[in-house]
Amino acid sequence: MKNVLSIDVEDYFQVAALSKSIAVNDWDSITPRVVENTHRLLDLFDRFDVKATHFVLGWVAEKFPDLVREIDNRGHEVASHGFSHQLIYGQTPQDFKAETLKSKSLLENIIGKPVNGYRAASYSITQRSLWALDILAEAGFLYDSSIFPVRHDNYGIYGSPPDPHVLQTPAGHRMVEYPLSTYKVLRQAMPVAGGGYFRLYPYWLSRFFYRSINKSGKPFVFYLHPWEVDPEQPRVKASWFSEFRHYNNLDKCESRLTQLLQDFEFTTMQNKLDELEMFSADNAIAVSY
């Protein structure tokens, strides 16, 4: 069974965990590492002949359009990660719409083809920001992958459907949602989709979760960031919890990812949704949150 491999293409200094230490206005003065780290991932994916969906931050695309072209030229899917990596529920609808349209147009102009998928910064489509789904639908996105069906301090809609589904936006639009993967432990949804969880859990436990999901007849969604395979990145002073979230087991991540690519099969999110015939599910009951 092929699972979904996804990469949120952003630099280490743009993550929410470090946002109190690094202002957006300072980004231009920091030496970027995203190009080198993304190439590192692309080379690894070539080694195992796998394709991924790359949710590219608009800021990165604007600075490094050749990187976006290379992602596309190597046969991967290019999707949108917004523009400035701000939490959606901290933005006004007007600002979010402007950034969303800017990023989508930028990516499409670079690769010369439609960009169908979107993933919010830090999965920040929550009950407080469901209005963003209307803006995404009106912008022409076919699918979203922003909703994490878990309890978390920064994101999540607990109890939302854990599998790919058609959703109905507050204004009545329909679009496909591909949530991040979870695993039920004592009836509680446990986040297992990747990123910091992949670095936190021992690999044998992550593999158990993923194999269990596959044995149930379902694919899982895996995500990672280029900075997570870069243990040499500069250290940024932040709260102990933010530092733990960001730096924990960075030195182990690439070897674990290499093992993951040996243990499981992967494809892009667009390909998996096509396989599941989600875009032709006109008669599907649309879920409202």
Protein backbone atom coordinates (compact mmCIF):
# COMPACT_ATOMS: atom_id res chain seq x y z
CA MET A 1 0.00 0.00 0.00
CA LYS A 2 1.28 3.44 -0.92
CA ASN A 3 1.13 6.08 1.79
CA VAL A 4 1.42 9.87 1.49
CA LEU A 5 4.83 11.49 1.84
CA SER A 6 4.68 15.25 2.40
CA ILE A 7 7.28 17.93 3.09
CA ASP A 8 6.52 21.38 4.53
CA VAL A 9 9.21 23.44 2.82
CA GLU A 10 10.22 26.19 5.24
CA ASP A 11 13.41 27.25 6.98
CA TYR A 12 14.35 26.63 10.60
CA PHE A 13 13.86 30.26 11.63
CA GLN A 14 10.27 30.34 10.34
CA VAL A 15 8.72 27.78 12.66
CA ALA A 16 6.06 28.68 15.19
CA ALA A 17 8.09 27.26 18.09
CA LEU A 18 10.73 29.95 17.56
CA SER A 19 8.43 32.82 16.55
CA LYS A 20 8.81 34.60 19.89
CA SER A 21 12.58 34.65 19.42
CA ILE A 22 12.78 35.54 15.71
CA ALA A 23 10.58 38.23 14.16
CA VAL A 24 9.38 37.96 10.56
CA ASN A 25 11.13 41.24 9.83
CA ASP A 26 14.44 39.57 10.72
CA TRP A 27 14.10 36.69 8.24
CA ASP A 28 15.92 38.49 5.42
CA SER A 29 18.99 39.01 7.60
CA ILE A 30 19.40 35.31 8.47
CA THR A 31 21.49 32.95 6.34
CA PRO A 32 19.00 30.50 4.80
CA ARG A 33 19.49 26.74 4.96
CA VAL A 34 16.27 25.60 3.27
CA VAL A 35 17.76 25.10 -0.21
CA GLU A 36 20.57 22.81 0.94
CA ASN A 37 18.28 20.86 3.28
CA THR A 38 15.57 20.41 0.64
CA HIS A 39 18.18 19.17 -1.83
CA ARG A 40 19.25 16.68 0.82
CA LEU A 41 15.70 15.33 0.95
CA LEU A 42 15.28 15.34 -2.83
CA ASP A 43 18.46 13.29 -3.23
CA LEU A 44 17.26 10.83 -0.60
CA PHE A 45 13.90 10.49 -2.36
CA ASP A 46 15.67 9.88 -5.67
CA ARG A 47 17.67 7.13 -4.00
CA PHE A 48 14.46 5.29 -3.10
CA ASP A 49 12.54 6.36 -6.21
CA VAL A 50 9.70 7.96 -4.25
CA LYS A 51 7.71 11.11 -4.91
CA ALA A 52 6.35 13.50 -2.32
CA THR A 53 4.04 16.47 -2.03
CA HIS A 54 6.04 19.57 -1.15
CA PHE A 55 3.95 22.25 0.57
CA VAL A 56 6.18 25.22 -0.26
CA LEU A 57 6.10 28.42 1.75
CA GLY A 58 5.55 31.44 -0.52
CA TRP A 59 8.41 33.33 1.13
CA VAL A 60 10.76 30.49 0.18
CA ALA A 61 9.38 30.33 -3.38
CA GLU A 62 9.85 34.06 -3.85
CA LYS A 63 13.48 33.90 -2.68
CA PHE A 64 14.38 30.61 -4.35
CA PRO A 65 12.22 29.96 -7.43
CA ASP A 66 14.82 27.56 -8.83
CA LEU A 67 14.26 25.31 -5.82
CA VAL A 68 10.54 25.13 -6.63
CA ARG A 69 11.33 24.33 -10.27
CA GLU A 70 13.69 21.57 -9.19
CA ILE A 71 11.04 20.01 -6.95
CA ASP A 72 8.67 20.00 -9.90
CA ASN A 73 11.28 18.85 -12.43
CA ARG A 74 12.16 15.85 -10.23
CA GLY A 75 8.55 14.70 -10.49
CA HIS A 76 7.23 15.78 -7.10
CA GLU A 77 3.98 17.62 -6.42
CA VAL A 78 4.21 21.32 -5.58
CA ALA A 79 1.51 22.56 -3.20
CA SER A 80 1.05 25.69 -1.09
CA HIS A 81 2.08 26.29 2.52
CA GLY A 82 0.80 29.86 2.55
CA PHE A 83 3.17 32.80 2.32
CA SER A 84 4.52 34.01 5.66
CA HIS A 85 3.93 31.02 7.98
CA GLN A 86 1.62 32.93 10.29
CA LEU A 87 -1.02 31.15 12.37
CA ILE A 88 -4.28 31.63 10.49
CA TYR A 89 -6.33 32.35 13.59
CA GLY A 90 -3.96 35.23 14.30
CA GLN A 91 -4.66 36.83 10.91
CA THR A 92 -7.63 38.73 9.57
CA PRO A 93 -9.57 37.07 6.74
CA GLN A 94 -8.43 39.90 4.46
CA ASP A 95 -4.74 39.33 5.22
CA PHE A 96 -5.09 35.57 4.89
CA LYS A 97 -6.84 35.88 1.54
CA ALA A 98 -4.20 38.25 0.18
CA GLU A 99 -1.34 35.96 1.25
CA THR A 100 -3.11 32.84 -0.01
CA LEU A 101 -3.73 34.25 -3.47
CA LYS A 102 -0.21 35.68 -3.65
CA SER A 103 1.41 32.36 -2.76
CA LYS A 104 -0.75 30.28 -5.10
CA SER A 105 -0.13 32.62 -8.02
CA LEU A 106 3.60 32.72 -7.31
CA LEU A 107 3.95 28.93 -7.27
CA GLU A 108 1.83 28.47 -10.38
CA ASN A 109 3.86 31.06 -12.29
CA ILE A 110 7.09 29.31 -11.33
CA ILE A 111 6.10 25.78 -12.36
CA GLY A 112 3.59 26.66 -15.09
CA LYS A 113 0.84 24.38 -13.82
CA PRO A 114 -2.03 24.46 -11.30
CA VAL A 115 -1.33 24.17 -7.58
CA ASN A 116 -4.17 22.09 -6.14
CA GLY A 117 -3.21 21.48 -2.50
CA TYR A 118 -2.84 23.64 0.59
CA ARG A 119 -1.50 23.10 4.10
CA ALA A 120 -1.72 25.79 6.78
CA ALA A 121 1.22 26.93 8.85
CA SER A 122 1.29 24.79 12.00
CA TYR A 123 -2.02 23.17 10.98
CA SER A 124 -3.78 26.34 12.15
CA ILE A 125 -7.19 25.70 10.62
CA THR A 126 -9.13 25.15 13.83
CA GLN A 127 -12.63 25.92 15.07
CA ARG A 128 -11.43 29.54 15.34
CA SER A 129 -10.45 29.74 11.69
CA LEU A 130 -12.91 27.62 9.72
CA TRP A 131 -13.60 30.75 7.65
CA ALA A 132 -10.25 30.06 5.96
CA LEU A 133 -11.75 27.03 4.21
CA ASP A 134 -14.05 29.30 2.18
CA ILE A 135 -11.09 31.39 1.06
CA LEU A 136 -9.21 28.25 0.01
CA ALA A 137 -12.20 26.92 -1.94
CA GLU A 138 -12.76 30.27 -3.65
CA ALA A 139 -9.06 30.45 -4.52
CA GLY A 140 -9.42 27.22 -6.48
CA PHE A 141 -7.68 24.71 -4.24
CA LEU A 142 -9.00 21.18 -4.74
CA TYR A 143 -7.85 19.85 -1.39
CA ASP A 144 -6.62 20.92 2.03
CA SER A 145 -4.37 19.07 4.47
CA SER A 146 -4.44 21.34 7.51
CA ILE A 147 -6.76 19.70 9.98
CA PHE A 148 -5.23 17.56 12.71
CA PRO A 149 -7.96 15.56 14.53
CA VAL A 150 -6.22 15.84 17.92
CA ARG A 151 -6.10 18.00 21.03
CA HIS A 152 -3.12 20.36 20.99
CA ASP A 153 -2.24 23.77 22.37
CA ASN A 154 -1.72 25.33 18.92
CA TYR A 155 -3.83 23.33 16.48
CA GLY A 156 -6.35 20.55 15.99
CA ILE A 157 -10.08 19.89 15.70
CA TYR A 158 -10.61 17.00 18.06
CA GLY A 159 -13.21 14.53 16.87
CA SER A 160 -13.03 15.59 13.22
CA PRO A 161 -12.92 12.75 10.65
CA PRO A 162 -9.53 11.00 10.62
CA ASP A 163 -9.74 9.83 6.99
CA PRO A 164 -9.87 11.72 3.68
CA HIS A 165 -13.34 13.19 3.19
CA VAL A 166 -15.36 15.85 1.46
CA LEU A 167 -16.05 18.81 3.72
CA GLN A 168 -18.55 21.60 3.51
CA THR A 169 -17.19 25.03 4.28
CA PRO A 170 -19.14 27.53 6.39
CA ALA A 171 -20.37 29.24 3.19
CA GLY A 172 -21.39 25.95 1.58
CA HIS A 173 -18.43 25.20 -0.70
CA ARG A 174 -17.22 21.62 -1.00
CA MET A 175 -13.59 20.55 -1.02
CA VAL A 176 -11.53 17.52 -0.08
CA GLU A 177 -9.80 17.36 3.30
CA TYR A 178 -6.88 14.99 3.88
CA PRO A 179 -6.21 15.06 7.64
CA LEU A 180 -2.95 14.26 9.34
CA SER A 181 -2.71 10.68 10.62
CA THR A 182 -3.61 9.63 14.14
CA TYR A 183 -3.76 6.35 16.06
CA LYS A 184 -6.38 5.50 18.66
CA VAL A 185 -5.00 4.68 22.12
CA LEU A 186 -7.68 4.08 24.77
CA ARG A 187 -10.18 5.81 22.44
CA GLN A 188 -8.01 8.92 22.28
CA ALA A 189 -6.57 10.09 18.95
CA MET A 190 -2.79 10.15 19.24
CA PRO A 191 -0.79 12.20 16.67
CA VAL A 192 1.60 9.98 14.71
CA ALA A 193 1.93 11.69 11.32
CA GLY A 194 5.57 12.71 11.53
CA GLY A 195 7.50 15.87 12.28
CA GLY A 196 8.21 16.34 15.97
CA TYR A 197 6.30 13.17 16.81
CA PHE A 198 8.56 11.16 14.49
CA ARG A 199 11.57 12.59 16.31
CA LEU A 200 10.02 12.09 19.77
CA TYR A 201 8.85 8.47 19.45
CA PRO A 202 11.43 5.69 19.04
CA TYR A 203 11.40 4.45 15.48
CA TRP A 204 10.02 1.03 16.38
CA LEU A 205 6.95 2.73 17.86
CA SER A 206 6.36 4.92 14.80
CA ARG A 207 6.70 1.84 12.59
CA PHE A 208 4.16 0.02 14.76
CA PHE A 209 1.67 2.87 14.35
CA TYR A 210 2.13 3.04 10.59
CA ARG A 211 1.94 -0.72 10.08
CA SER A 212 -1.20 -0.86 12.20
CA ILE A 213 -2.82 1.84 10.06
CA ASN A 214 -1.90 -0.05 6.90
CA LYS A 215 -3.15 -3.34 8.34
CA SER A 216 -6.52 -1.67 8.88
CA GLY A 217 -6.62 -1.11 5.12
CA LYS A 218 -5.78 2.59 5.20
CA PRO A 219 -2.80 4.67 4.04
CA PHE A 220 -1.13 7.06 6.46
CA VAL A 221 0.10 10.63 5.93
CA PHE A 222 3.69 11.37 6.84
CA TYR A 223 5.16 14.87 7.02
CA LEU A 224 8.57 16.35 7.70
CA HIS A 225 10.40 19.68 7.35
CA PRO A 226 13.77 20.16 5.63
CA TRP A 227 15.25 21.64 8.82
CA GLU A 228 14.54 18.36 10.63
CA VAL A 229 17.43 16.65 8.82
CA ASP A 230 19.81 19.48 9.75
CA PRO A 231 21.26 18.95 13.25
CA GLU A 232 23.96 21.56 12.49
CA GLN A 233 21.48 24.45 12.23
CA PRO A 234 22.13 27.45 14.52
CA ARG A 235 20.65 27.20 18.00
CA VAL A 236 18.03 29.80 18.85
CA LYS A 237 17.30 30.71 22.45
CA ALA A 238 13.64 30.10 23.32
CA SER A 239 11.56 28.63 26.13
CA TRP A 240 12.67 25.17 27.24
CA PHE A 241 9.51 23.63 25.77
CA SER A 242 9.93 25.38 22.41
CA GLU A 243 13.56 24.32 22.27
CA PHE A 244 12.58 20.74 23.09
CA ARG A 245 9.95 20.72 20.36
CA HIS A 246 12.36 22.05 17.79
CA TYR A 247 15.69 20.40 18.62
CA ASN A 248 14.74 17.03 20.07
CA ASN A 249 16.47 14.17 18.20
CA LEU A 250 17.42 16.21 15.12
CA ASP A 251 20.54 14.06 14.90
CA LYS A 252 18.43 10.90 14.51
CA CYS A 253 15.84 12.13 12.06
CA GLU A 254 17.56 11.49 8.72
CA SER A 255 18.52 7.93 9.60
CA ARG A 256 14.97 7.24 10.77
CA LEU A 257 13.59 8.73 7.55
CA THR A 258 15.92 6.52 5.52
CA GLN A 259 14.62 3.47 7.37
CA LEU A 260 11.03 4.63 6.86
CA LEU A 261 11.54 4.81 3.10
CA GLN A 262 12.79 1.23 3.18
CA ASP A 263 9.90 -0.05 5.29
CA PHE A 264 6.96 1.62 3.50
CA GLU A 265 5.84 2.72 0.04
CA PHE A 266 4.91 6.33 -0.67
CA THR A 267 3.33 8.62 -3.24
CA THR A 268 2.07 12.19 -3.45
CA MET A 269 -1.12 13.43 -1.84
CA GLN A 270 -2.62 14.29 -5.24
CA ASN A 271 -1.92 10.77 -6.52
CA LYS A 272 -3.44 9.15 -3.44
CA LEU A 273 -6.59 11.27 -3.65
CA ASP A 274 -6.90 10.39 -7.34
CA GLU A 275 -6.51 6.72 -6.42
CA LEU A 276 -9.23 7.08 -3.78
CA GLU A 277 -11.42 8.87 -6.36
CA MET A 278 -12.03 11.67 -3.88
CA PHE A 279 -12.35 14.37 -6.54
CA SER A 280 -15.17 12.51 -8.30
CA ALA A 281 -17.10 11.81 -5.10
CA ASP A 282 -19.96 14.11 -6.10
CA ASN A 283 -22.46 12.07 -4.12
CA ALA A 284 -20.40 11.97 -0.93
CA ILE A 285 -21.97 13.47 2.15
CA ALA A 286 -20.00 16.60 2.94
CA VAL A 287 -18.86 16.90 6.56
CA SER A 288 -19.39 20.19 8.38
CA TYR A 289 -17.28 20.99 11.46
